[in-house]
């Protein structure tokens, strides 16, 4: 039954719990200056760089003891433009969630994506979180390549409502 619950629903639940926790903390704080310093401790990262791909399968050596399995989310390109774009948007949403959860105020995010029709929605979400969002295609990329990057500078605020953010269309 737990496998039927989508990742977005889990993120919504976590976001709601975090919002309640932050609002409870804020009600105990009298000074606005101390509010920022308390929130800064909860958001320890200055930059998130996301150039995600599926790692090589390891058949020997030490194992990973992480709490998440990268094979459930990361994907190699298939050569099918639409499928690659959709998988890329999923990876970018994961990077955005990571940035929202960990990035300090005024922090930055750089992410690779494969362009397509849904990247406009992603760009809208990024603009809601960051002051400046630039689309960048390196000169090293072939002209026919769909590979592109978003460079996002200046996270607007510490706490971002992920439910509202991912409800944007």
N, C-alpha and C. Protein backbone atom coordinates (compact mmCIF):
# COMPACT_ATOMS: atom_id res chain seq x y z
N UNK A 1 0.83 -1.19 0.00
CA UNK A 1 0.00 0.00 0.00
C UNK A 1 0.86 1.25 0.00
N UNK A 2 2.01 1.18 0.69
CA UNK A 2 2.90 2.33 0.76
C UNK A 2 3.49 2.66 -0.61
N UNK A 3 3.67 1.65 -1.46
CA UNK A 3 4.22 1.89 -2.79
C UNK A 3 3.26 2.67 -3.68
N UNK A 4 1.96 2.66 -3.33
CA UNK A 4 0.98 3.41 -4.10
C UNK A 4 1.03 4.91 -3.82
N UNK A 5 1.63 5.29 -2.71
CA UNK A 5 1.71 6.70 -2.35
C UNK A 5 2.79 7.35 -3.22
N UNK A 6 2.43 8.40 -3.91
CA UNK A 6 3.39 9.05 -4.80
C UNK A 6 4.42 9.86 -4.01
N UNK A 7 5.51 10.12 -4.66
CA UNK A 7 6.58 10.90 -4.05
C UNK A 7 6.08 12.29 -3.69
N UNK A 8 5.25 12.87 -4.56
CA UNK A 8 4.72 14.21 -4.31
C UNK A 8 3.86 14.22 -3.05
N UNK A 9 3.04 13.19 -2.85
CA UNK A 9 2.21 13.13 -1.64
C UNK A 9 3.08 13.05 -0.39
N UNK A 10 4.18 12.29 -0.46
CA UNK A 10 5.10 12.22 0.68
C UNK A 10 5.73 13.58 0.94
N UNK A 11 6.12 14.29 -0.13
CA UNK A 11 6.72 15.61 0.02
C UNK A 11 5.72 16.60 0.61
N UNK A 12 4.46 16.50 0.21
CA UNK A 12 3.42 17.38 0.75
C UNK A 12 3.28 17.14 2.25
N UNK A 13 3.26 15.88 2.65
CA UNK A 13 3.12 15.54 4.07
C UNK A 13 4.30 16.08 4.87
N UNK A 14 5.52 15.89 4.36
CA UNK A 14 6.71 16.39 5.05
C UNK A 14 6.69 17.91 5.12
N UNK A 15 6.29 18.55 4.02
CA UNK A 15 6.23 20.01 3.98
C UNK A 15 5.25 20.55 5.01
N UNK A 16 4.09 19.91 5.14
CA UNK A 16 3.10 20.36 6.11
C UNK A 16 3.62 20.20 7.53
N UNK A 17 4.31 19.09 7.79
CA UNK A 17 4.89 18.89 9.12
C UNK A 17 5.97 19.92 9.43
N UNK A 18 6.80 20.23 8.42
CA UNK A 18 7.85 21.22 8.61
C UNK A 18 7.26 22.61 8.85
N UNK A 19 6.20 22.95 8.12
CA UNK A 19 5.56 24.26 8.29
C UNK A 19 5.00 24.40 9.70
N UNK A 20 4.38 23.34 10.22
CA UNK A 20 3.86 23.37 11.59
C UNK A 20 5.00 23.55 12.58
N UNK A 21 6.11 22.83 12.34
CA UNK A 21 7.26 22.91 13.24
C UNK A 21 7.86 24.31 13.23
N UNK A 22 8.00 24.90 12.03
CA UNK A 22 8.57 26.25 11.93
C UNK A 22 7.65 27.27 12.57
N UNK A 23 6.32 27.15 12.35
CA UNK A 23 5.39 28.11 12.95
C UNK A 23 5.38 28.00 14.47
N UNK A 24 5.55 26.79 15.01
CA UNK A 24 5.64 26.63 16.46
C UNK A 24 6.90 27.29 17.00
N UNK A 25 8.01 27.16 16.27
CA UNK A 25 9.26 27.79 16.69
C UNK A 25 9.14 29.31 16.62
N UNK A 26 8.51 29.82 15.54
CA UNK A 26 8.39 31.26 15.36
C UNK A 26 7.53 31.90 16.43
N UNK A 27 6.53 31.20 16.94
CA UNK A 27 5.66 31.78 17.95
C UNK A 27 6.39 31.97 19.28
N UNK A 28 7.47 31.19 19.50
CA UNK A 28 8.25 31.32 20.72
C UNK A 28 9.32 32.40 20.64
N UNK A 29 9.57 32.92 19.43
CA UNK A 29 10.66 33.87 19.22
C UNK A 29 10.11 35.29 19.19
N UNK A 30 10.72 36.17 19.97
CA UNK A 30 10.23 37.54 20.04
C UNK A 30 10.89 38.43 19.00
N UNK A 31 12.19 38.24 18.72
CA UNK A 31 12.92 39.12 17.82
C UNK A 31 12.99 38.54 16.42
N UNK A 32 12.73 39.36 15.38
CA UNK A 32 12.82 38.87 14.02
C UNK A 32 14.25 38.48 13.64
N UNK A 33 15.26 39.16 14.21
CA UNK A 33 16.65 38.85 13.89
C UNK A 33 17.00 37.43 14.31
N UNK A 34 16.53 37.02 15.47
CA UNK A 34 16.85 35.68 15.94
C UNK A 34 16.12 34.62 15.13
N UNK A 35 14.98 34.99 14.51
CA UNK A 35 14.25 34.05 13.67
C UNK A 35 15.11 33.63 12.48
N UNK A 36 15.76 34.60 11.82
CA UNK A 36 16.64 34.30 10.70
C UNK A 36 17.80 33.42 11.12
N UNK A 37 18.39 33.69 12.28
CA UNK A 37 19.54 32.90 12.71
C UNK A 37 19.12 31.47 13.04
N UNK A 38 17.94 31.28 13.62
CA UNK A 38 17.45 29.92 13.88
C UNK A 38 17.16 29.18 12.58
N UNK A 39 16.55 29.87 11.62
CA UNK A 39 16.27 29.24 10.33
C UNK A 39 17.55 28.93 9.57
N UNK A 40 18.56 29.79 9.68
CA UNK A 40 19.82 29.57 8.97
C UNK A 40 20.46 28.26 9.39
N UNK A 41 20.32 27.88 10.65
CA UNK A 41 20.89 26.63 11.14
C UNK A 41 20.19 25.42 10.51
N UNK A 42 18.94 25.57 10.12
CA UNK A 42 18.18 24.48 9.50
C UNK A 42 18.46 24.35 8.00
N UNK A 43 19.07 25.34 7.40
CA UNK A 43 19.36 25.36 5.97
C UNK A 43 20.86 25.56 5.77
N UNK A 44 21.65 24.46 5.80
CA UNK A 44 23.11 24.56 5.88
C UNK A 44 23.86 24.71 4.56
N UNK A 45 23.19 24.66 3.41
CA UNK A 45 23.89 24.57 2.12
C UNK A 45 23.86 25.91 1.38
N UNK A 46 25.01 26.27 0.78
CA UNK A 46 25.11 27.50 -0.01
C UNK A 46 24.78 27.28 -1.49
N UNK A 47 25.16 26.12 -2.03
CA UNK A 47 24.99 25.85 -3.46
C UNK A 47 24.55 24.41 -3.65
N UNK A 48 23.61 24.21 -4.56
CA UNK A 48 23.21 22.86 -4.99
C UNK A 48 23.55 22.77 -6.48
N UNK A 49 24.37 21.78 -6.84
CA UNK A 49 24.72 21.51 -8.23
C UNK A 49 24.09 20.19 -8.62
N UNK A 50 23.35 20.18 -9.71
CA UNK A 50 22.64 18.98 -10.10
C UNK A 50 22.90 18.64 -11.56
N UNK A 51 23.73 17.64 -11.77
CA UNK A 51 23.99 17.09 -13.10
C UNK A 51 23.77 15.59 -12.94
N UNK A 52 22.52 15.19 -12.71
CA UNK A 52 22.22 13.84 -12.28
C UNK A 52 22.23 12.84 -13.42
N UNK A 53 22.70 11.66 -13.11
CA UNK A 53 22.74 10.54 -14.02
C UNK A 53 22.73 9.26 -13.20
N UNK A 54 22.50 8.15 -13.85
CA UNK A 54 22.50 6.88 -13.12
C UNK A 54 23.94 6.44 -12.87
N UNK A 55 24.27 6.15 -11.65
CA UNK A 55 25.64 5.71 -11.36
C UNK A 55 25.88 4.31 -11.93
N UNK A 56 27.17 4.00 -12.15
CA UNK A 56 27.52 2.66 -12.63
C UNK A 56 27.15 1.64 -11.56
N UNK A 57 26.68 0.49 -12.01
CA UNK A 57 26.34 -0.58 -11.09
C UNK A 57 27.64 -1.14 -10.54
N UNK A 58 27.71 -1.24 -9.22
CA UNK A 58 28.91 -1.77 -8.58
C UNK A 58 28.72 -3.25 -8.32
N UNK A 59 29.68 -4.03 -8.77
CA UNK A 59 29.58 -5.46 -8.51
C UNK A 59 30.61 -5.92 -7.48
N UNK A 60 31.39 -4.97 -6.97
CA UNK A 60 32.33 -5.29 -5.90
C UNK A 60 32.66 -4.02 -5.12
N UNK A 61 33.32 -4.16 -4.00
CA UNK A 61 33.71 -3.00 -3.20
C UNK A 61 32.71 -2.73 -2.09
N UNK A 62 32.85 -1.57 -1.48
CA UNK A 62 32.00 -1.23 -0.35
C UNK A 62 30.61 -0.84 -0.82
N UNK A 63 29.65 -0.96 0.07
CA UNK A 63 28.27 -0.65 -0.29
C UNK A 63 27.88 0.73 0.23
N UNK A 64 26.80 1.23 -0.29
CA UNK A 64 26.29 2.52 0.14
C UNK A 64 25.29 2.31 1.27
N UNK A 65 25.43 3.08 2.33
CA UNK A 65 24.50 2.97 3.46
C UNK A 65 23.61 4.20 3.53
N UNK A 66 23.30 4.79 2.39
CA UNK A 66 22.45 5.98 2.38
C UNK A 66 21.00 5.59 2.59
N UNK A 67 20.20 6.58 2.94
CA UNK A 67 18.78 6.32 3.21
C UNK A 67 17.95 6.30 1.94
N UNK A 68 18.51 6.77 0.82
CA UNK A 68 17.75 6.75 -0.42
C UNK A 68 18.50 5.94 -1.46
N UNK A 69 17.78 5.42 -2.41
CA UNK A 69 18.35 4.60 -3.46
C UNK A 69 18.37 5.39 -4.76
N UNK A 70 19.56 5.77 -5.25
CA UNK A 70 19.61 6.60 -6.45
C UNK A 70 19.03 5.92 -7.67
N UNK A 71 18.97 4.60 -7.70
CA UNK A 71 18.44 3.91 -8.86
C UNK A 71 16.93 4.08 -9.01
N UNK A 72 16.25 4.47 -7.95
CA UNK A 72 14.81 4.68 -8.03
C UNK A 72 14.48 5.99 -8.75
N UNK A 73 15.40 6.94 -8.77
CA UNK A 73 15.11 8.25 -9.35
C UNK A 73 15.99 8.57 -10.55
N UNK A 74 17.25 8.25 -10.49
CA UNK A 74 18.16 8.67 -11.55
C UNK A 74 17.96 7.84 -12.81
N UNK A 75 18.17 8.46 -13.96
CA UNK A 75 17.92 7.76 -15.22
C UNK A 75 18.93 8.19 -16.28
N UNK A 76 19.36 7.25 -17.08
CA UNK A 76 20.19 7.55 -18.24
C UNK A 76 19.27 7.96 -19.38
N UNK A 77 19.84 8.58 -20.40
CA UNK A 77 19.04 8.96 -21.56
C UNK A 77 18.70 7.71 -22.37
N UNK A 78 17.55 7.76 -23.01
CA UNK A 78 17.09 6.62 -23.80
C UNK A 78 17.20 6.88 -25.29
N UNK A 79 17.33 8.16 -25.67
CA UNK A 79 17.32 8.51 -27.09
C UNK A 79 15.93 8.91 -27.56
N UNK A 80 14.93 8.67 -26.72
CA UNK A 80 13.56 9.10 -27.03
C UNK A 80 13.36 10.48 -26.39
N UNK A 81 13.25 11.50 -27.21
CA UNK A 81 13.24 12.89 -26.72
C UNK A 81 12.19 13.14 -25.64
N UNK A 82 10.97 12.69 -25.85
CA UNK A 82 9.89 12.94 -24.89
C UNK A 82 10.16 12.24 -23.56
N UNK A 83 10.56 10.97 -23.63
CA UNK A 83 10.85 10.21 -22.40
C UNK A 83 12.02 10.83 -21.65
N UNK A 84 13.08 11.20 -22.37
CA UNK A 84 14.24 11.83 -21.73
C UNK A 84 13.86 13.15 -21.07
N UNK A 85 13.00 13.92 -21.74
CA UNK A 85 12.56 15.21 -21.18
C UNK A 85 11.75 15.00 -19.90
N UNK A 86 10.83 14.06 -19.91
CA UNK A 86 9.99 13.80 -18.74
C UNK A 86 10.85 13.31 -17.57
N UNK A 87 11.79 12.40 -17.84
CA UNK A 87 12.67 11.92 -16.77
C UNK A 87 13.54 13.07 -16.25
N UNK A 88 13.98 13.93 -17.15
CA UNK A 88 14.79 15.08 -16.76
C UNK A 88 14.01 16.03 -15.85
N UNK A 89 12.73 16.25 -16.17
CA UNK A 89 11.91 17.13 -15.34
C UNK A 89 11.71 16.54 -13.94
N UNK A 90 11.59 15.21 -13.86
CA UNK A 90 11.48 14.56 -12.56
C UNK A 90 12.76 14.76 -11.75
N UNK A 91 13.90 14.62 -12.39
CA UNK A 91 15.18 14.83 -11.71
C UNK A 91 15.32 16.29 -11.26
N UNK A 92 14.89 17.22 -12.11
CA UNK A 92 14.96 18.64 -11.76
C UNK A 92 14.03 18.97 -10.59
N UNK A 93 12.85 18.36 -10.57
CA UNK A 93 11.95 18.56 -9.43
C UNK A 93 12.60 18.05 -8.14
N UNK A 94 13.30 16.92 -8.23
CA UNK A 94 14.01 16.39 -7.06
C UNK A 94 15.11 17.35 -6.62
N UNK A 95 15.83 17.94 -7.58
CA UNK A 95 16.87 18.91 -7.24
C UNK A 95 16.26 20.16 -6.62
N UNK A 96 15.12 20.60 -7.13
CA UNK A 96 14.44 21.77 -6.57
C UNK A 96 13.97 21.50 -5.15
N UNK A 97 13.44 20.32 -4.90
CA UNK A 97 13.02 19.95 -3.54
C UNK A 97 14.23 19.96 -2.61
N UNK A 98 15.35 19.42 -3.07
CA UNK A 98 16.58 19.43 -2.28
C UNK A 98 17.01 20.86 -1.98
N UNK A 99 16.96 21.72 -2.98
CA UNK A 99 17.33 23.13 -2.79
C UNK A 99 16.40 23.82 -1.81
N UNK A 100 15.11 23.57 -1.92
CA UNK A 100 14.13 24.18 -1.01
C UNK A 100 14.39 23.73 0.42
N UNK A 101 14.70 22.44 0.59
CA UNK A 101 14.88 21.87 1.93
C UNK A 101 16.22 22.22 2.57
N UNK A 102 17.26 22.46 1.77
CA UNK A 102 18.61 22.60 2.34
C UNK A 102 19.29 23.94 2.08
N UNK A 103 18.87 24.65 1.05
CA UNK A 103 19.58 25.84 0.61
C UNK A 103 19.31 27.05 1.50
N UNK A 104 20.38 27.75 1.86
CA UNK A 104 20.26 28.98 2.65
C UNK A 104 19.56 30.07 1.83
N UNK A 105 19.08 31.07 2.54
CA UNK A 105 18.57 32.26 1.88
C UNK A 105 19.72 32.87 1.09
N UNK A 106 19.47 33.34 -0.12
CA UNK A 106 20.46 33.87 -1.05
C UNK A 106 21.36 32.79 -1.65
N UNK A 107 21.05 31.51 -1.42
CA UNK A 107 21.82 30.41 -2.00
C UNK A 107 21.53 30.26 -3.49
N UNK A 108 22.30 29.35 -4.14
CA UNK A 108 22.22 29.17 -5.59
C UNK A 108 21.99 27.71 -5.96
N UNK A 109 21.40 27.52 -7.12
CA UNK A 109 21.13 26.20 -7.67
C UNK A 109 21.51 26.20 -9.14
N UNK A 110 22.24 25.17 -9.56
CA UNK A 110 22.54 24.97 -10.98
C UNK A 110 22.08 23.56 -11.32
N UNK A 111 21.25 23.44 -12.36
CA UNK A 111 20.75 22.12 -12.74
C UNK A 111 20.75 21.92 -14.24
N UNK A 112 21.09 20.69 -14.64
CA UNK A 112 21.04 20.31 -16.05
C UNK A 112 19.65 19.75 -16.34
N UNK A 113 19.15 20.02 -17.53
CA UNK A 113 17.86 19.46 -17.94
C UNK A 113 17.85 19.27 -19.45
N UNK A 114 16.92 18.47 -19.92
CA UNK A 114 16.71 18.30 -21.35
C UNK A 114 15.47 19.10 -21.72
N UNK A 115 15.64 20.03 -22.63
CA UNK A 115 14.56 20.96 -22.95
C UNK A 115 13.38 20.25 -23.62
N UNK A 116 12.21 20.85 -23.40
CA UNK A 116 10.96 20.32 -23.93
C UNK A 116 9.84 21.23 -23.46
N UNK A 117 8.61 20.78 -23.63
CA UNK A 117 7.48 21.66 -23.33
C UNK A 117 7.29 21.94 -21.84
N UNK A 118 7.69 21.03 -20.97
CA UNK A 118 7.46 21.21 -19.53
C UNK A 118 8.52 22.05 -18.83
N UNK A 119 9.60 22.40 -19.51
CA UNK A 119 10.63 23.19 -18.83
C UNK A 119 10.15 24.62 -18.53
N UNK A 120 9.10 25.06 -19.19
CA UNK A 120 8.50 26.38 -18.89
C UNK A 120 7.89 26.36 -17.49
N UNK A 121 7.24 25.24 -17.13
CA UNK A 121 6.66 25.10 -15.79
C UNK A 121 7.76 25.07 -14.74
N UNK A 122 8.83 24.33 -15.03
CA UNK A 122 9.97 24.29 -14.11
C UNK A 122 10.56 25.68 -13.93
N UNK A 123 10.72 26.42 -15.01
CA UNK A 123 11.28 27.77 -14.93
C UNK A 123 10.39 28.68 -14.08
N UNK A 124 9.08 28.53 -14.20
CA UNK A 124 8.15 29.31 -13.39
C UNK A 124 8.34 29.00 -11.91
N UNK A 125 8.50 27.71 -11.58
CA UNK A 125 8.75 27.32 -10.18
C UNK A 125 10.07 27.89 -9.68
N UNK A 126 11.09 27.82 -10.52
CA UNK A 126 12.40 28.35 -10.13
C UNK A 126 12.33 29.85 -9.88
N UNK A 127 11.59 30.57 -10.71
CA UNK A 127 11.44 32.02 -10.53
C UNK A 127 10.70 32.35 -9.24
N UNK A 128 9.84 31.44 -8.78
CA UNK A 128 9.14 31.66 -7.51
C UNK A 128 10.07 31.50 -6.32
N UNK A 129 11.13 30.71 -6.48
CA UNK A 129 12.05 30.43 -5.37
C UNK A 129 13.28 31.33 -5.40
N UNK A 130 13.75 31.68 -6.62
CA UNK A 130 15.00 32.43 -6.77
C UNK A 130 14.76 33.81 -7.40
N UNK A 131 15.62 34.75 -7.04
CA UNK A 131 15.51 36.12 -7.58
C UNK A 131 15.89 36.18 -9.05
N UNK A 132 16.88 35.37 -9.45
CA UNK A 132 17.38 35.42 -10.81
C UNK A 132 17.52 34.00 -11.35
N UNK A 133 16.90 33.73 -12.49
CA UNK A 133 16.97 32.42 -13.13
C UNK A 133 17.41 32.63 -14.58
N UNK A 134 18.52 31.98 -14.95
CA UNK A 134 19.03 32.11 -16.31
C UNK A 134 19.09 30.73 -16.96
N UNK A 135 18.68 30.69 -18.21
CA UNK A 135 18.79 29.47 -19.02
C UNK A 135 20.12 29.56 -19.75
N UNK A 136 20.89 28.45 -19.72
CA UNK A 136 22.25 28.49 -20.27
C UNK A 136 22.51 27.22 -21.07
N UNK A 137 22.99 27.40 -22.30
CA UNK A 137 23.41 26.26 -23.13
C UNK A 137 24.89 26.46 -23.46
N UNK A 138 25.74 25.59 -22.94
CA UNK A 138 27.18 25.74 -23.19
C UNK A 138 27.52 25.64 -24.68
N UNK A 139 28.55 26.34 -25.09
CA UNK A 139 29.00 26.27 -26.48
C UNK A 139 29.49 24.87 -26.84
N UNK A 140 29.93 24.11 -25.82
CA UNK A 140 30.43 22.76 -26.05
C UNK A 140 29.32 21.79 -26.45
N UNK A 141 28.06 22.15 -26.21
CA UNK A 141 26.94 21.28 -26.58
C UNK A 141 26.66 21.40 -28.08
N UNK A 142 26.34 20.27 -28.70
CA UNK A 142 25.95 20.30 -30.11
C UNK A 142 24.65 21.09 -30.25
N UNK A 143 24.45 21.72 -31.38
CA UNK A 143 23.25 22.52 -31.62
C UNK A 143 21.98 21.68 -31.53
N UNK A 144 22.03 20.43 -31.99
CA UNK A 144 20.84 19.58 -31.97
C UNK A 144 20.58 18.96 -30.59
N UNK A 145 21.52 19.12 -29.67
CA UNK A 145 21.35 18.56 -28.33
C UNK A 145 20.28 19.31 -27.55
N UNK A 146 19.49 18.56 -26.78
CA UNK A 146 18.44 19.14 -25.94
C UNK A 146 18.98 19.55 -24.57
N UNK A 147 20.26 19.26 -24.30
CA UNK A 147 20.86 19.55 -23.00
C UNK A 147 20.96 21.06 -22.76
N UNK A 148 20.53 21.48 -21.58
CA UNK A 148 20.54 22.88 -21.19
C UNK A 148 20.73 22.96 -19.68
N UNK A 149 20.97 24.15 -19.17
CA UNK A 149 21.15 24.34 -17.73
C UNK A 149 20.32 25.52 -17.25
N UNK A 150 19.84 25.43 -16.02
CA UNK A 150 19.27 26.57 -15.33
C UNK A 150 20.27 26.98 -14.26
N UNK A 151 20.61 28.26 -14.25
CA UNK A 151 21.46 28.83 -13.20
C UNK A 151 20.55 29.75 -12.39
N UNK A 152 20.36 29.39 -11.13
CA UNK A 152 19.41 30.10 -10.25
C UNK A 152 20.19 30.76 -9.12
N UNK A 153 20.03 32.05 -8.97
CA UNK A 153 20.79 32.80 -7.97
C UNK A 153 19.86 33.51 -7.00
N UNK A 154 20.24 33.52 -5.74
CA UNK A 154 19.52 34.29 -4.73
C UNK A 154 18.20 33.69 -4.28
N UNK A 155 18.25 32.61 -3.51
CA UNK A 155 17.01 32.05 -2.96
C UNK A 155 16.31 33.14 -2.16
N UNK A 156 15.05 33.34 -2.42
CA UNK A 156 14.30 34.45 -1.84
C UNK A 156 14.10 34.36 -0.33
N UNK A 157 13.79 33.18 0.17
CA UNK A 157 13.45 33.03 1.57
C UNK A 157 13.87 31.65 2.06
N UNK A 158 13.94 31.50 3.37
CA UNK A 158 14.30 30.19 3.92
C UNK A 158 13.22 29.16 3.67
N UNK A 159 12.04 29.43 4.16
CA UNK A 159 10.98 28.44 4.08
C UNK A 159 10.09 28.70 2.87
N UNK A 160 10.00 27.70 2.01
CA UNK A 160 9.19 27.76 0.80
C UNK A 160 8.10 26.70 0.93
N UNK A 161 6.88 27.07 0.63
CA UNK A 161 5.77 26.14 0.70
C UNK A 161 5.81 25.24 -0.54
N UNK A 162 6.23 24.00 -0.36
CA UNK A 162 6.38 23.08 -1.50
C UNK A 162 5.02 22.70 -2.10
N UNK A 163 4.01 22.65 -1.29
CA UNK A 163 2.67 22.32 -1.82
C UNK A 163 2.25 23.40 -2.81
N UNK A 164 2.40 24.64 -2.43
CA UNK A 164 2.04 25.76 -3.32
C UNK A 164 2.96 25.79 -4.54
N UNK A 165 4.26 25.55 -4.31
CA UNK A 165 5.24 25.59 -5.39
C UNK A 165 4.94 24.55 -6.46
N UNK A 166 4.63 23.33 -6.05
CA UNK A 166 4.39 22.26 -7.01
C UNK A 166 2.94 22.20 -7.48
N UNK A 167 2.12 23.13 -7.03
CA UNK A 167 0.76 23.26 -7.55
C UNK A 167 0.73 24.21 -8.74
N UNK A 168 1.85 24.90 -8.98
CA UNK A 168 1.94 25.84 -10.11
C UNK A 168 1.90 25.10 -11.43
N UNK A 169 1.17 25.67 -12.37
CA UNK A 169 1.15 25.11 -13.73
C UNK A 169 1.45 26.18 -14.74
